[in-house]
Amino acid sequence: MKNYIIWLLVLFSNVLLAQNKSNLVFEDGIYSVEIQIENGKDYLKLDKENKFQIVTKNIDPVNLMCSGRNLKRGELSTDKNITNWSLTIIKEGLKDEKYSLSISFRGKKGKLFTHQFLIPVKQN
């Protein structure tokens, strides 16, 4: 019985970790987009400059478009699957304490994919 309880706790914690990470990952077939925040957390900070990377798989960077309030393209990366971004979040730009980042790209056969990430924002 003790082993059963431990196994359930491990399973439950893995499910929670997967849910938190999936908030910053979009996958559709062979395509994937992942947001990696510089501070290593799964949230952005209010009224501070936030830097993050968008890591893609099977997406031509020419076909990738990102939009969001106060979003700026960062330094160029040597890896074509990584783009660097920065933004400073203000309270007025939030919806339910979350920052909205929209991603669009065209697949290999011309199909348009779109996804809206709702990234949690925390006070300093």
PDB file of N, CA and C in Angstrom:
ATOM      1  N   MET A   1       0.831  -1.195   0.000  1.00  0.00           N
ATOM      2  CA  MET A   1       0.000   0.000   0.000  1.00  0.00           C
ATOM      3  C   MET A   1       0.876   1.260   0.000  1.00  0.00           C
ATOM      4  N   LYS A   2       1.964   1.229   0.761  1.00  0.00           N
ATOM      5  CA  LYS A   2       2.863   2.378   0.843  1.00  0.00           C
ATOM      6  C   LYS A   2       3.480   2.680  -0.533  1.00  0.00           C
ATOM      7  N   ASN A   3       3.883   1.630  -1.251  1.00  0.00           N
ATOM      8  CA  ASN A   3       4.449   1.819  -2.588  1.00  0.00           C
ATOM      9  C   ASN A   3       3.416   2.405  -3.547  1.00  0.00           C
ATOM     10  N   TYR A   4       2.185   2.008  -3.397  1.00  0.00           N
ATOM     11  CA  TYR A   4       1.109   2.514  -4.237  1.00  0.00           C
ATOM     12  C   TYR A   4       0.921   4.021  -4.047  1.00  0.00           C
ATOM     13  N   ILE A   5       0.963   4.479  -2.816  1.00  0.00           N
ATOM     14  CA  ILE A   5       0.811   5.909  -2.519  1.00  0.00           C
ATOM     15  C   ILE A   5       1.986   6.699  -3.085  1.00  0.00           C
ATOM     16  N   ILE A   6       3.182   6.191  -2.925  1.00  0.00           N
ATOM     17  CA  ILE A   6       4.370   6.873  -3.461  1.00  0.00           C
ATOM     18  C   ILE A   6       4.279   6.950  -4.979  1.00  0.00           C
ATOM     19  N   TRP A   7       3.865   5.857  -5.613  1.00  0.00           N
ATOM     20  CA  TRP A   7       3.732   5.843  -7.058  1.00  0.00           C
ATOM     21  C   TRP A   7       2.714   6.881  -7.525  1.00  0.00           C
ATOM     22  N   LEU A   8       1.591   7.006  -6.822  1.00  0.00           N
ATOM     23  CA  LEU A   8       0.582   8.014  -7.172  1.00  0.00           C
ATOM     24  C   LEU A   8       1.116   9.436  -7.015  1.00  0.00           C
ATOM     25  N   LEU A   9       1.894   9.681  -5.964  1.00  0.00           N
ATOM     26  CA  LEU A   9       2.479  11.005  -5.770  1.00  0.00           C
ATOM     27  C   LEU A   9       3.445  11.359  -6.900  1.00  0.00           C
ATOM     28  N   VAL A  10       4.265  10.414  -7.304  1.00  0.00           N
ATOM     29  CA  VAL A  10       5.206  10.647  -8.401  1.00  0.00           C
ATOM     30  C   VAL A  10       4.444  10.914  -9.695  1.00  0.00           C
ATOM     31  N   LEU A  11       3.427  10.119  -9.972  1.00  0.00           N
ATOM     32  CA  LEU A  11       2.622  10.299 -11.171  1.00  0.00           C
ATOM     33  C   LEU A  11       1.935  11.661 -11.171  1.00  0.00           C
ATOM     34  N   PHE A  12       1.351  12.051 -10.055  1.00  0.00           N
ATOM     35  CA  PHE A  12       0.656  13.333  -9.943  1.00  0.00           C
ATOM     36  C   PHE A  12       1.619  14.502 -10.142  1.00  0.00           C
ATOM     37  N   SER A  13       2.818  14.432  -9.559  1.00  0.00           N
ATOM     38  CA  SER A  13       3.784  15.522  -9.713  1.00  0.00           C
ATOM     39  C   SER A  13       4.253  15.628 -11.158  1.00  0.00           C
ATOM     40  N   ASN A  14       4.423  14.499 -11.854  1.00  0.00           N
ATOM     41  CA  ASN A  14       4.813  14.540 -13.261  1.00  0.00           C
ATOM     42  C   ASN A  14       3.718  15.152 -14.126  1.00  0.00           C
ATOM     43  N   VAL A  15       2.477  14.875 -13.813  1.00  0.00           N
ATOM     44  CA  VAL A  15       1.360  15.471 -14.554  1.00  0.00           C
ATOM     45  C   VAL A  15       1.346  16.980 -14.366  1.00  0.00           C
ATOM     46  N   LEU A  16       1.568  17.446 -13.150  1.00  0.00           N
ATOM     47  CA  LEU A  16       1.605  18.886 -12.894  1.00  0.00           C
ATOM     48  C   LEU A  16       2.751  19.555 -13.633  1.00  0.00           C
ATOM     49  N   LEU A  17       3.926  18.952 -13.628  1.00  0.00           N
ATOM     50  CA  LEU A  17       5.070  19.515 -14.342  1.00  0.00           C
ATOM     51  C   LEU A  17       4.804  19.566 -15.839  1.00  0.00           C
ATOM     52  N   ALA A  18       4.199  18.554 -16.381  1.00  0.00           N
ATOM     53  CA  ALA A  18       3.891  18.523 -17.810  1.00  0.00           C
ATOM     54  C   ALA A  18       2.878  19.602 -18.170  1.00  0.00           C
ATOM     55  N   GLN A  19       1.903  19.847 -17.304  1.00  0.00           N
ATOM     56  CA  GLN A  19       0.916  20.887 -17.577  1.00  0.00           C
ATOM     57  C   GLN A  19       1.567  22.257 -17.583  1.00  0.00           C
ATOM     58  N   ASN A  20       2.458  22.553 -16.651  1.00  0.00           N
ATOM     59  CA  ASN A  20       3.122  23.848 -16.610  1.00  0.00           C
ATOM     60  C   ASN A  20       3.970  24.066 -17.857  1.00  0.00           C
ATOM     61  N   LYS A  21       4.712  23.065 -18.281  1.00  0.00           N
ATOM     62  CA  LYS A  21       5.571  23.194 -19.440  1.00  0.00           C
ATOM     63  C   LYS A  21       4.753  23.324 -20.710  1.00  0.00           C
ATOM     64  N   SER A  22       3.631  22.620 -20.798  1.00  0.00           N
ATOM     65  CA  SER A  22       2.843  22.649 -22.019  1.00  0.00           C
ATOM     66  C   SER A  22       2.261  24.030 -22.284  1.00  0.00           C
ATOM     67  N   ASN A  23       2.206  24.886 -21.279  1.00  0.00           N
ATOM     68  CA  ASN A  23       1.734  26.250 -21.459  1.00  0.00           C
ATOM     69  C   ASN A  23       2.659  27.032 -22.383  1.00  0.00           C
ATOM     70  N   LEU A  24       3.925  26.639 -22.466  1.00  0.00           N
ATOM     71  CA  LEU A  24       4.906  27.340 -23.279  1.00  0.00           C
ATOM     72  C   LEU A  24       5.329  26.540 -24.501  1.00  0.00           C
ATOM     73  N   VAL A  25       4.584  25.502 -24.840  1.00  0.00           N
ATOM     74  CA  VAL A  25       4.900  24.655 -25.990  1.00  0.00           C
ATOM     75  C   VAL A  25       3.651  24.474 -26.838  1.00  0.00           C
ATOM     76  N   PHE A  26       3.838  24.632 -28.144  1.00  0.00           N
ATOM     77  CA  PHE A  26       2.763  24.351 -29.108  1.00  0.00           C
ATOM     78  C   PHE A  26       3.285  23.295 -30.070  1.00  0.00           C
ATOM     79  N   GLU A  27       2.522  22.224 -30.235  1.00  0.00           N
ATOM     80  CA  GLU A  27       2.888  21.168 -31.171  1.00  0.00           C
ATOM     81  C   GLU A  27       1.686  20.832 -32.042  1.00  0.00           C
ATOM     82  N   ASP A  28       1.964  20.677 -33.317  1.00  0.00           N
ATOM     83  CA  ASP A  28       0.931  20.253 -34.252  1.00  0.00           C
ATOM     84  C   ASP A  28       1.618  19.416 -35.329  1.00  0.00           C
ATOM     85  N   GLY A  29       1.450  18.122 -35.244  1.00  0.00           N
ATOM     86  CA  GLY A  29       2.104  17.229 -36.198  1.00  0.00           C
ATOM     87  C   GLY A  29       3.617  17.295 -36.059  1.00  0.00           C
ATOM     88  N   ILE A  30       4.288  17.595 -37.173  1.00  0.00           N
ATOM     89  CA  ILE A  30       5.760  17.650 -37.161  1.00  0.00           C
ATOM     90  C   ILE A  30       6.291  18.998 -36.693  1.00  0.00           C
ATOM     91  N   TYR A  31       5.410  19.960 -36.478  1.00  0.00           N
ATOM     92  CA  TYR A  31       5.819  21.320 -36.122  1.00  0.00           C
ATOM     93  C   TYR A  31       5.736  21.534 -34.612  1.00  0.00           C
ATOM     94  N   SER A  32       6.698  22.295 -34.097  1.00  0.00           N
ATOM     95  CA  SER A  32       6.620  22.669 -32.684  1.00  0.00           C
ATOM     96  C   SER A  32       7.237  24.049 -32.471  1.00  0.00           C
ATOM     97  N   VAL A  33       6.686  24.749 -31.503  1.00  0.00           N
ATOM     98  CA  VAL A  33       7.175  26.064 -31.085  1.00  0.00           C
ATOM     99  C   VAL A  33       7.257  26.030 -29.570  1.00  0.00           C
ATOM    100  N   GLU A  34       8.420  26.388 -29.038  1.00  0.00           N
ATOM    101  CA  GLU A  34       8.600  26.415 -27.587  1.00  0.00           C
ATOM    102  C   GLU A  34       9.160  27.768 -27.173  1.00  0.00           C
ATOM    103  N   ILE A  35       8.603  28.321 -26.115  1.00  0.00           N
ATOM    104  CA  ILE A  35       9.100  29.575 -25.561  1.00  0.00           C
ATOM    105  C   ILE A  35       9.971  29.240 -24.369  1.00  0.00           C
ATOM    106  N   GLN A  36      11.226  29.733 -24.393  1.00  0.00           N
ATOM    107  CA  GLN A  36      12.164  29.514 -23.300  1.00  0.00           C
ATOM    108  C   GLN A  36      12.508  30.872 -22.699  1.00  0.00           C
ATOM    109  N   ILE A  37      11.989  31.127 -21.511  1.00  0.00           N
ATOM    110  CA  ILE A  37      12.197  32.406 -20.842  1.00  0.00           C
ATOM    111  C   ILE A  37      13.577  32.414 -20.199  1.00  0.00           C
ATOM    112  N   GLU A  38      14.276  33.536 -20.332  1.00  0.00           N
ATOM    113  CA  GLU A  38      15.671  33.639 -19.892  1.00  0.00           C
ATOM    114  C   GLU A  38      15.860  33.346 -18.407  1.00  0.00           C
ATOM    115  N   ASN A  39      14.916  33.731 -17.574  1.00  0.00           N
ATOM    116  CA  ASN A  39      15.091  33.506 -16.139  1.00  0.00           C
ATOM    117  C   ASN A  39      14.854  32.047 -15.745  1.00  0.00           C
ATOM    118  N   GLY A  40      14.532  31.189 -16.718  1.00  0.00           N
ATOM    119  CA  GLY A  40      14.322  29.771 -16.450  1.00  0.00           C
ATOM    120  C   GLY A  40      12.969  29.459 -15.828  1.00  0.00           C
ATOM    121  N   LYS A  41      12.166  30.445 -15.630  1.00  0.00           N
ATOM    122  CA  LYS A  41      10.838  30.258 -15.028  1.00  0.00           C
ATOM    123  C   LYS A  41       9.792  30.081 -16.113  1.00  0.00           C
ATOM    124  N   ASP A  42       8.569  29.860 -15.705  1.00  0.00           N
ATOM    125  CA  ASP A  42       7.471  29.733 -16.656  1.00  0.00           C
ATOM    126  C   ASP A  42       6.568  30.964 -16.626  1.00  0.00           C
ATOM    127  N   TYR A  43       7.151  32.099 -16.215  1.00  0.00           N
ATOM    128  CA  TYR A  43       6.391  33.344 -16.160  1.00  0.00           C
ATOM    129  C   TYR A  43       7.294  34.515 -16.531  1.00  0.00           C
ATOM    130  N   LEU A  44       6.658  35.645 -16.853  1.00  0.00           N
ATOM    131  CA  LEU A  44       7.364  36.888 -17.157  1.00  0.00           C
ATOM    132  C   LEU A  44       7.216  37.835 -15.976  1.00  0.00           C
ATOM    133  N   LYS A  45       8.094  38.842 -15.908  1.00  0.00           N
ATOM    134  CA  LYS A  45       8.054  39.800 -14.804  1.00  0.00           C
ATOM    135  C   LYS A  45       7.467  41.122 -15.274  1.00  0.00           C
ATOM    136  N   LEU A  46       6.628  41.687 -14.425  1.00  0.00           N
ATOM    137  CA  LEU A  46       5.977  42.959 -14.710  1.00  0.00           C
ATOM    138  C   LEU A  46       6.968  44.106 -14.539  1.00  0.00           C
ATOM    139  N   ASP A  47       6.909  45.095 -15.442  1.00  0.00           N
ATOM    140  CA  ASP A  47       7.718  46.320 -15.394  1.00  0.00           C
ATOM    141  C   ASP A  47       9.225  46.071 -15.443  1.00  0.00           C
ATOM    142  N   LYS A  48       9.656  44.956 -15.980  1.00  0.00           N
ATOM    143  CA  LYS A  48      11.081  44.659 -16.176  1.00  0.00           C
ATOM    144  C   LYS A  48      11.255  44.138 -17.588  1.00  0.00           C
ATOM    145  N   GLU A  49      12.484  44.304 -18.105  1.00  0.00           N
ATOM    146  CA  GLU A  49      12.749  43.740 -19.425  1.00  0.00           C
ATOM    147  C   GLU A  49      12.832  42.216 -19.316  1.00  0.00           C
ATOM    148  N   ASN A  50      12.065  41.543 -20.117  1.00  0.00           N
ATOM    149  CA  ASN A  50      12.043  40.083 -20.165  1.00  0.00           C
ATOM    150  C   ASN A  50      12.655  39.641 -21.484  1.00  0.00           C
ATOM    151  N   LYS A  51      13.607  38.735 -21.411  1.00  0.00           N
ATOM    152  CA  LYS A  51      14.206  38.178 -22.623  1.00  0.00           C
ATOM    153  C   LYS A  51      13.822  36.717 -22.715  1.00  0.00           C
ATOM    154  N   PHE A  52      13.543  36.278 -23.934  1.00  0.00           N
ATOM    155  CA  PHE A  52      13.181  34.885 -24.136  1.00  0.00           C
ATOM    156  C   PHE A  52      13.548  34.469 -25.554  1.00  0.00           C
ATOM    157  N   GLN A  53      13.552  33.160 -25.766  1.00  0.00           N
ATOM    158  CA  GLN A  53      13.825  32.598 -27.075  1.00  0.00           C
ATOM    159  C   GLN A  53      12.600  31.836 -27.549  1.00  0.00           C
ATOM    160  N   ILE A  54      12.406  31.853 -28.844  1.00  0.00           N
ATOM    161  CA  ILE A  54      11.398  31.007 -29.452  1.00  0.00           C
ATOM    162  C   ILE A  54      12.164  29.950 -30.243  1.00  0.00           C
ATOM    163  N   VAL A  55      11.985  28.707 -29.839  1.00  0.00           N
ATOM    164  CA  VAL A  55      12.670  27.581 -30.463  1.00  0.00           C
ATOM    165  C   VAL A  55      11.652  26.826 -31.308  1.00  0.00           C
ATOM    166  N   THR A  56      11.969  26.652 -32.585  1.00  0.00           N
ATOM    167  CA  THR A  56      11.038  25.995 -33.494  1.00  0.00           C
ATOM    168  C   THR A  56      11.617  24.686 -34.024  1.00  0.00           C
ATOM    169  N   LYS A  57      10.732  23.851 -34.501  1.00  0.00           N
ATOM    170  CA  LYS A  57      11.139  22.589 -35.115  1.00  0.00           C
ATOM    171  C   LYS A  57      10.335  22.415 -36.399  1.00  0.00           C
ATOM    172  N   ASN A  58      11.049  22.198 -37.513  1.00  0.00           N
ATOM    173  CA  ASN A  58      10.457  22.000 -38.838  1.00  0.00           C
ATOM    174  C   ASN A  58       9.714  23.226 -39.357  1.00  0.00           C
ATOM    175  N   ILE A  59      10.136  24.419 -38.905  1.00  0.00           N
ATOM    176  CA  ILE A  59       9.514  25.671 -39.352  1.00  0.00           C
ATOM    177  C   ILE A  59      10.601  26.557 -39.942  1.00  0.00           C
ATOM    178  N   ASP A  60      10.387  26.999 -41.177  1.00  0.00           N
ATOM    179  CA  ASP A  60      11.329  27.915 -41.817  1.00  0.00           C
ATOM    180  C   ASP A  60      11.194  29.282 -41.142  1.00  0.00           C
ATOM    181  N   PRO A  61      12.300  29.848 -40.632  1.00  0.00           N
ATOM    182  CA  PRO A  61      12.205  31.138 -39.922  1.00  0.00           C
ATOM    183  C   PRO A  61      11.612  32.261 -40.759  1.00  0.00           C
ATOM    184  N   VAL A  62      11.730  32.168 -42.071  1.00  0.00           N
ATOM    185  CA  VAL A  62      11.142  33.182 -42.947  1.00  0.00           C
ATOM    186  C   VAL A  62       9.620  33.163 -42.850  1.00  0.00           C
ATOM    187  N   ASN A  63       9.064  32.002 -42.531  1.00  0.00           N
ATOM    188  CA  ASN A  63       7.610  31.843 -42.466  1.00  0.00           C
ATOM    189  C   ASN A  63       7.039  32.040 -41.062  1.00  0.00           C
ATOM    190  N   LEU A  64       7.863  32.457 -40.104  1.00  0.00           N
ATOM    191  CA  LEU A  64       7.421  32.623 -38.721  1.00  0.00           C
ATOM    192  C   LEU A  64       7.131  34.094 -38.426  1.00  0.00           C
ATOM    193  N   MET A  65       5.981  34.350 -37.809  1.00  0.00           N
ATOM    194  CA  MET A  65       5.638  35.714 -37.419  1.00  0.00           C
ATOM    195  C   MET A  65       5.156  35.715 -35.973  1.00  0.00           C
ATOM    196  N   CYS A  66       5.639  36.677 -35.184  1.00  0.00           N
ATOM    197  CA  CYS A  66       5.258  36.808 -33.778  1.00  0.00           C
ATOM    198  C   CYS A  66       4.690  38.198 -33.556  1.00  0.00           C
ATOM    199  N   SER A  67       3.667  38.279 -32.711  1.00  0.00           N
ATOM    200  CA  SER A  67       3.116  39.591 -32.388  1.00  0.00           C
ATOM    201  C   SER A  67       2.678  39.623 -30.933  1.00  0.00           C
ATOM    202  N   GLY A  68       2.896  40.779 -30.327  1.00  0.00           N
ATOM    203  CA  GLY A  68       2.527  41.008 -28.943  1.00  0.00           C
ATOM    204  C   GLY A  68       2.850  42.449 -28.582  1.00  0.00           C
ATOM    205  N   ARG A  69       2.252  42.928 -27.530  1.00  0.00           N
ATOM    206  CA  ARG A  69       2.453  44.308 -27.102  1.00  0.00           C
ATOM    207  C   ARG A  69       3.880  44.502 -26.588  1.00  0.00           C
ATOM    208  N   ASN A  70       4.563  45.543 -27.056  1.00  0.00           N
ATOM    209  CA  ASN A  70       5.931  45.918 -26.675  1.00  0.00           C
ATOM    210  C   ASN A  70       6.969  44.857 -27.032  1.00  0.00           C
ATOM    211  N   LEU A  71       6.688  44.012 -27.982  1.00  0.00           N
ATOM    212  CA  LEU A  71       7.590  42.938 -28.387  1.00  0.00           C
ATOM    213  C   LEU A  71       8.659  43.477 -29.324  1.00  0.00           C
ATOM    214  N   LYS A  72       9.926  43.122 -29.055  1.00  0.00           N
ATOM    215  CA  LYS A  72      11.050  43.559 -29.883  1.00  0.00           C
ATOM    216  C   LYS A  72      11.909  42.361 -30.245  1.00  0.00           C
ATOM    217  N   ARG A  73      12.386  42.354 -31.458  1.00  0.00           N
ATOM    218  CA  ARG A  73      13.296  41.295 -31.905  1.00  0.00           C
ATOM    219  C   ARG A  73      14.644  41.527 -31.246  1.00  0.00           C
ATOM    220  N   GLY A  74      15.236  40.472 -30.710  1.00  0.00           N
ATOM    221  CA  GLY A  74      16.527  40.562 -30.029  1.00  0.00           C
ATOM    222  C   GLY A  74      17.682  40.287 -30.968  1.00  0.00           C
ATOM    223  N   GLU A  75      18.801  39.926 -30.383  1.00  0.00           N
ATOM    224  CA  GLU A  75      20.005  39.633 -31.149  1.00  0.00           C
ATOM    225  C   GLU A  75      19.783  38.422 -32.046  1.00  0.00           C
ATOM    226  N   LEU A  76      20.491  38.404 -33.163  1.00  0.00           N
ATOM    227  CA  LEU A  76      20.389  37.265 -34.067  1.00  0.00           C
ATOM    228  C   LEU A  76      21.077  36.052 -33.462  1.00  0.00           C
ATOM    229  N   SER A  77      20.515  34.903 -33.704  1.00  0.00           N
ATOM    230  CA  SER A  77      21.072  33.651 -33.212  1.00  0.00           C
ATOM    231  C   SER A  77      21.788  32.937 -34.352  1.00  0.00           C
ATOM    232  N   THR A  78      22.804  32.167 -34.008  1.00  0.00           N
ATOM    233  CA  THR A  78      23.505  31.388 -35.029  1.00  0.00           C
ATOM    234  C   THR A  78      22.688  30.170 -35.451  1.00  0.00           C
ATOM    235  N   ASP A  79      21.752  29.761 -34.625  1.00  0.00           N
ATOM    236  CA  ASP A  79      20.885  28.630 -34.927  1.00  0.00           C
ATOM    237  C   ASP A  79      19.627  29.152 -35.613  1.00  0.00           C
ATOM    238  N   LYS A  80      19.331  28.644 -36.808  1.00  0.00           N
ATOM    239  CA  LYS A  80      18.164  29.150 -37.550  1.00  0.00           C
ATOM    240  C   LYS A  80      16.837  28.797 -36.899  1.00  0.00           C
ATOM    241  N   ASN A  81      16.838  27.850 -35.959  1.00  0.00           N
ATOM    242  CA  ASN A  81      15.605  27.448 -35.278  1.00  0.00           C
ATOM    243  C   ASN A  81      15.352  28.230 -33.995  1.00  0.00           C
ATOM    244  N   ILE A  82      16.202  29.204 -33.688  1.00  0.00           N
ATOM    245  CA  ILE A  82      16.049  29.994 -32.463  1.00  0.00           C
ATOM    246  C   ILE A  82      15.994  31.469 -32.826  1.00  0.00           C
ATOM    247  N   THR A  83      14.969  32.163 -32.301  1.00  0.00           N
ATOM    248  CA  THR A  83      14.904  33.616 -32.433  1.00  0.00           C
ATOM    249  C   THR A  83      14.837  34.215 -31.033  1.00  0.00           C
ATOM    250  N   ASN A  84      15.552  35.308 -30.841  1.00  0.00           N
ATOM    251  CA  ASN A  84      15.619  35.979 -29.542  1.00  0.00           C
ATOM    252  C   ASN A  84      14.678  37.172 -29.537  1.00  0.00           C
ATOM    253  N   TRP A  85      14.022  37.377 -28.405  1.00  0.00           N
ATOM    254  CA  TRP A  85      13.036  38.445 -28.260  1.00  0.00           C
ATOM    255  C   TRP A  85      13.175  39.098 -26.894  1.00  0.00           C
ATOM    256  N   SER A  86      12.671  40.321 -26.787  1.00  0.00           N
ATOM    257  CA  SER A  86      12.606  40.993 -25.491  1.00  0.00           C
ATOM    258  C   SER A  86      11.321  41.821 -25.444  1.00  0.00           C
ATOM    259  N   LEU A  87      10.876  42.075 -24.224  1.00  0.00           N
ATOM    260  CA  LEU A  87       9.691  42.913 -24.031  1.00  0.00           C
ATOM    261  C   LEU A  87       9.648  43.399 -22.596  1.00  0.00           C
ATOM    262  N   THR A  88       9.004  44.532 -22.420  1.00  0.00           N
ATOM    263  CA  THR A  88       8.735  45.061 -21.094  1.00  0.00           C
ATOM    264  C   THR A  88       7.219  45.108 -20.949  1.00  0.00           C
ATOM    265  N   ILE A  89       6.734  44.416 -19.946  1.00  0.00           N
ATOM    266  CA  ILE A  89       5.282  44.284 -19.765  1.00  0.00           C
ATOM    267  C   ILE A  89       4.779  45.371 -18.825  1.00  0.00           C
ATOM    268  N   ILE A  90       3.695  46.012 -19.237  1.00  0.00           N
ATOM    269  CA  ILE A  90       3.019  46.978 -18.371  1.00  0.00           C
ATOM    270  C   ILE A  90       1.655  46.409 -17.998  1.00  0.00           C
ATOM    271  N   LYS A  91       1.159  46.800 -16.861  1.00  0.00           N
ATOM    272  CA  LYS A  91      -0.090  46.246 -16.320  1.00  0.00           C
ATOM    273  C   LYS A  91      -1.261  46.398 -17.289  1.00  0.00           C
ATOM    274  N   GLU A  92      -1.311  47.524 -18.003  1.00  0.00           N
ATOM    275  CA  GLU A  92      -2.434  47.788 -18.899  1.00  0.00           C
ATOM    276  C   GLU A  92      -2.485  46.817 -20.076  1.00  0.00           C
ATOM    277  N   GLY A  93      -1.371  46.172 -20.393  1.00  0.00           N
ATOM    278  CA  GLY A  93      -1.337  45.263 -21.531  1.00  0.00           C
ATOM    279  C   GLY A  93      -1.695  43.835 -21.194  1.00  0.00           C
ATOM    280  N   LEU A  94      -2.107  43.583 -19.954  1.00  0.00           N
ATOM    281  CA  LEU A  94      -2.389  42.217 -19.526  1.00  0.00           C
ATOM    282  C   LEU A  94      -3.871  41.904 -19.579  1.00  0.00           C
ATOM    283  N   LYS A  95      -4.146  40.620 -19.752  1.00  0.00           N
ATOM    284  CA  LYS A  95      -5.524  40.136 -19.691  1.00  0.00           C
ATOM    285  C   LYS A  95      -5.514  38.988 -18.693  1.00  0.00           C
ATOM    286  N   ASP A  96      -6.205  39.150 -17.581  1.00  0.00           N
ATOM    287  CA  ASP A  96      -6.247  38.144 -16.518  1.00  0.00           C
ATOM    288  C   ASP A  96      -4.848  37.782 -16.016  1.00  0.00           C
ATOM    289  N   GLU A  97      -3.986  38.798 -15.848  1.00  0.00           N
ATOM    290  CA  GLU A  97      -2.605  38.618 -15.356  1.00  0.00           C
ATOM    291  C   GLU A  97      -1.766  37.741 -16.281  1.00  0.00           C
ATOM    292  N   LYS A  98      -2.087  37.759 -17.575  1.00  0.00           N
ATOM    293  CA  LYS A  98      -1.330  36.980 -18.550  1.00  0.00           C
ATOM    294  C   LYS A  98      -0.997  37.841 -19.753  1.00  0.00           C
ATOM    295  N   TYR A  99       0.183  37.584 -20.322  1.00  0.00           N
ATOM    296  CA  TYR A  99       0.639  38.277 -21.526  1.00  0.00           C
ATOM    297  C   TYR A  99       0.273  37.432 -22.739  1.00  0.00           C
ATOM    298  N   SER A 100      -0.273  38.058 -23.747  1.00  0.00           N
ATOM    299  CA  SER A 100      -0.699  37.346 -24.945  1.00  0.00           C
ATOM    300  C   SER A 100       0.358  37.493 -26.038  1.00  0.00           C
ATOM    301  N   LEU A 101       0.902  36.364 -26.474  1.00  0.00           N
ATOM    302  CA  LEU A 101       1.887  36.321 -27.542  1.00  0.00           C
ATOM    303  C   LEU A 101       1.331  35.435 -28.649  1.00  0.00           C
ATOM    304  N   SER A 102       1.165  36.004 -29.832  1.00  0.00           N
ATOM    305  CA  SER A 102       0.606  35.253 -30.962  1.00  0.00           C
ATOM    306  C   SER A 102       1.718  34.830 -31.913  1.00  0.00           C
ATOM    307  N   ILE A 103       1.642  33.588 -32.340  1.00  0.00           N
ATOM    308  CA  ILE A 103       2.616  33.022 -33.266  1.00  0.00           C
ATOM    309  C   ILE A 103       1.858  32.513 -34.490  1.00  0.00           C
ATOM    310  N   SER A 104       2.386  32.816 -35.662  1.00  0.00           N
ATOM    311  CA  SER A 104       1.825  32.298 -36.909  1.00  0.00           C
ATOM    312  C   SER A 104       2.978  31.808 -37.775  1.00  0.00           C
ATOM    313  N   PHE A 105       2.726  30.749 -38.527  1.00  0.00           N
ATOM    314  CA  PHE A 105       3.727  30.268 -39.470  1.00  0.00           C
ATOM    315  C   PHE A 105       3.058  29.446 -40.552  1.00  0.00           C
ATOM    316  N   ARG A 106       3.743  29.349 -41.667  1.00  0.00           N
ATOM    317  CA  ARG A 106       3.270  28.518 -42.772  1.00  0.00           C
ATOM    318  C   ARG A 106       4.046  27.207 -42.758  1.00  0.00           C
ATOM    319  N   GLY A 107       3.312  26.122 -42.885  1.00  0.00           N
ATOM    320  CA  GLY A 107       3.926  24.809 -42.942  1.00  0.00           C
ATOM    321  C   GLY A 107       4.541  24.547 -44.303  1.00  0.00           C
ATOM    322  N   LYS A 108       5.081  23.372 -44.469  1.00  0.00           N
ATOM    323  CA  LYS A 108       5.782  23.013 -45.711  1.00  0.00           C
ATOM    324  C   LYS A 108       4.862  22.973 -46.924  1.00  0.00           C
ATOM    325  N   LYS A 109       3.597  22.702 -46.719  1.00  0.00           N
ATOM    326  CA  LYS A 109       2.651  22.649 -47.846  1.00  0.00           C
ATOM    327  C   LYS A 109       1.805  23.918 -47.927  1.00  0.00           C
ATOM    328  N   GLY A 110       2.211  24.972 -47.240  1.00  0.00           N
ATOM    329  CA  GLY A 110       1.521  26.243 -47.318  1.00  0.00           C
ATOM    330  C   GLY A 110       0.400  26.442 -46.324  1.00  0.00           C
ATOM    331  N   LYS A 111       0.120  25.436 -45.493  1.00  0.00           N
ATOM    332  CA  LYS A 111      -0.956  25.564 -44.502  1.00  0.00           C
ATOM    333  C   LYS A 111      -0.553  26.582 -43.435  1.00  0.00           C
ATOM    334  N   LEU A 112      -1.495  27.444 -43.058  1.00  0.00           N
ATOM    335  CA  LEU A 112      -1.240  28.465 -42.037  1.00  0.00           C
ATOM    336  C   LEU A 112      -1.576  27.918 -40.654  1.00  0.00           C
ATOM    337  N   PHE A 113      -0.633  28.047 -39.736  1.00  0.00           N
ATOM    338  CA  PHE A 113      -0.824  27.640 -38.347  1.00  0.00           C
ATOM    339  C   PHE A 113      -0.764  28.901 -37.480  1.00  0.00           C
ATOM    340  N   THR A 114      -1.642  28.994 -36.495  1.00  0.00           N
ATOM    341  CA  THR A 114      -1.600  30.106 -35.545  1.00  0.00           C
ATOM    342  C   THR A 114      -1.803  29.560 -34.136  1.00  0.00           C
ATOM    343  N   HIS A 115      -1.178  30.229 -33.186  1.00  0.00           N
ATOM    344  CA  HIS A 115      -1.355  29.843 -31.787  1.00  0.00           C
ATOM    345  C   HIS A 115      -1.154  31.077 -30.921  1.00  0.00           C
ATOM    346  N   GLN A 116      -1.944  31.181 -29.876  1.00  0.00           N
ATOM    347  CA  GLN A 116      -1.816  32.278 -28.931  1.00  0.00           C
ATOM    348  C   GLN A 116      -1.342  31.706 -27.603  1.00  0.00           C
ATOM    349  N   PHE A 117      -0.150  32.130 -27.183  1.00  0.00           N
ATOM    350  CA  PHE A 117       0.370  31.752 -25.880  1.00  0.00           C
ATOM    351  C   PHE A 117      -0.133  32.760 -24.857  1.00  0.00           C
ATOM    352  N   LEU A 118      -0.629  32.290 -23.733  1.00  0.00           N
ATOM    353  CA  LEU A 118      -1.011  33.151 -22.620  1.00  0.00           C
ATOM    354  C   LEU A 118      -0.011  32.866 -21.505  1.00  0.00           C
ATOM    355  N   ILE A 119       0.973  33.759 -21.370  1.00  0.00           N
ATOM    356  CA  ILE A 119       2.083  33.545 -20.465  1.00  0.00           C
ATOM    357  C   ILE A 119       1.810  34.272 -19.147  1.00  0.00           C
ATOM    358  N   PRO A 120       1.876  33.574 -18.023  1.00  0.00           N
ATOM    359  CA  PRO A 120       1.642  34.226 -16.729  1.00  0.00           C
ATOM    360  C   PRO A 120       2.658  35.343 -16.460  1.00  0.00           C
ATOM    361  N   VAL A 121       2.191  36.377 -15.777  1.00  0.00           N
ATOM    362  CA  VAL A 121       3.038  37.512 -15.414  1.00  0.00           C
ATOM    363  C   VAL A 121       2.961  37.694 -13.909  1.00  0.00           C
ATOM    364  N   LYS A 122       4.122  37.897 -13.291  1.00  0.00           N
ATOM    365  CA  LYS A 122       4.182  38.102 -11.844  1.00  0.00           C
ATOM    366  C   LYS A 122       4.852  39.429 -11.507  1.00  0.00           C
ATOM    367  N   GLN A 123       4.467  39.971 -10.357  1.00  0.00           N
ATOM    368  CA  GLN A 123       5.100  41.203  -9.863  1.00  0.00           C
ATOM    369  C   GLN A 123       6.553  40.920  -9.523  1.00  0.00           C
ATOM    370  N   ASN A 124       7.355  41.956  -9.447  1.00  0.00           N
ATOM    371  CA  ASN A 124       8.786  41.801  -9.108  1.00  0.00           C
ATOM    372  C   ASN A 124       8.967  41.199  -7.752  1.00  0.00           C
TER     373      ASN A 124
END
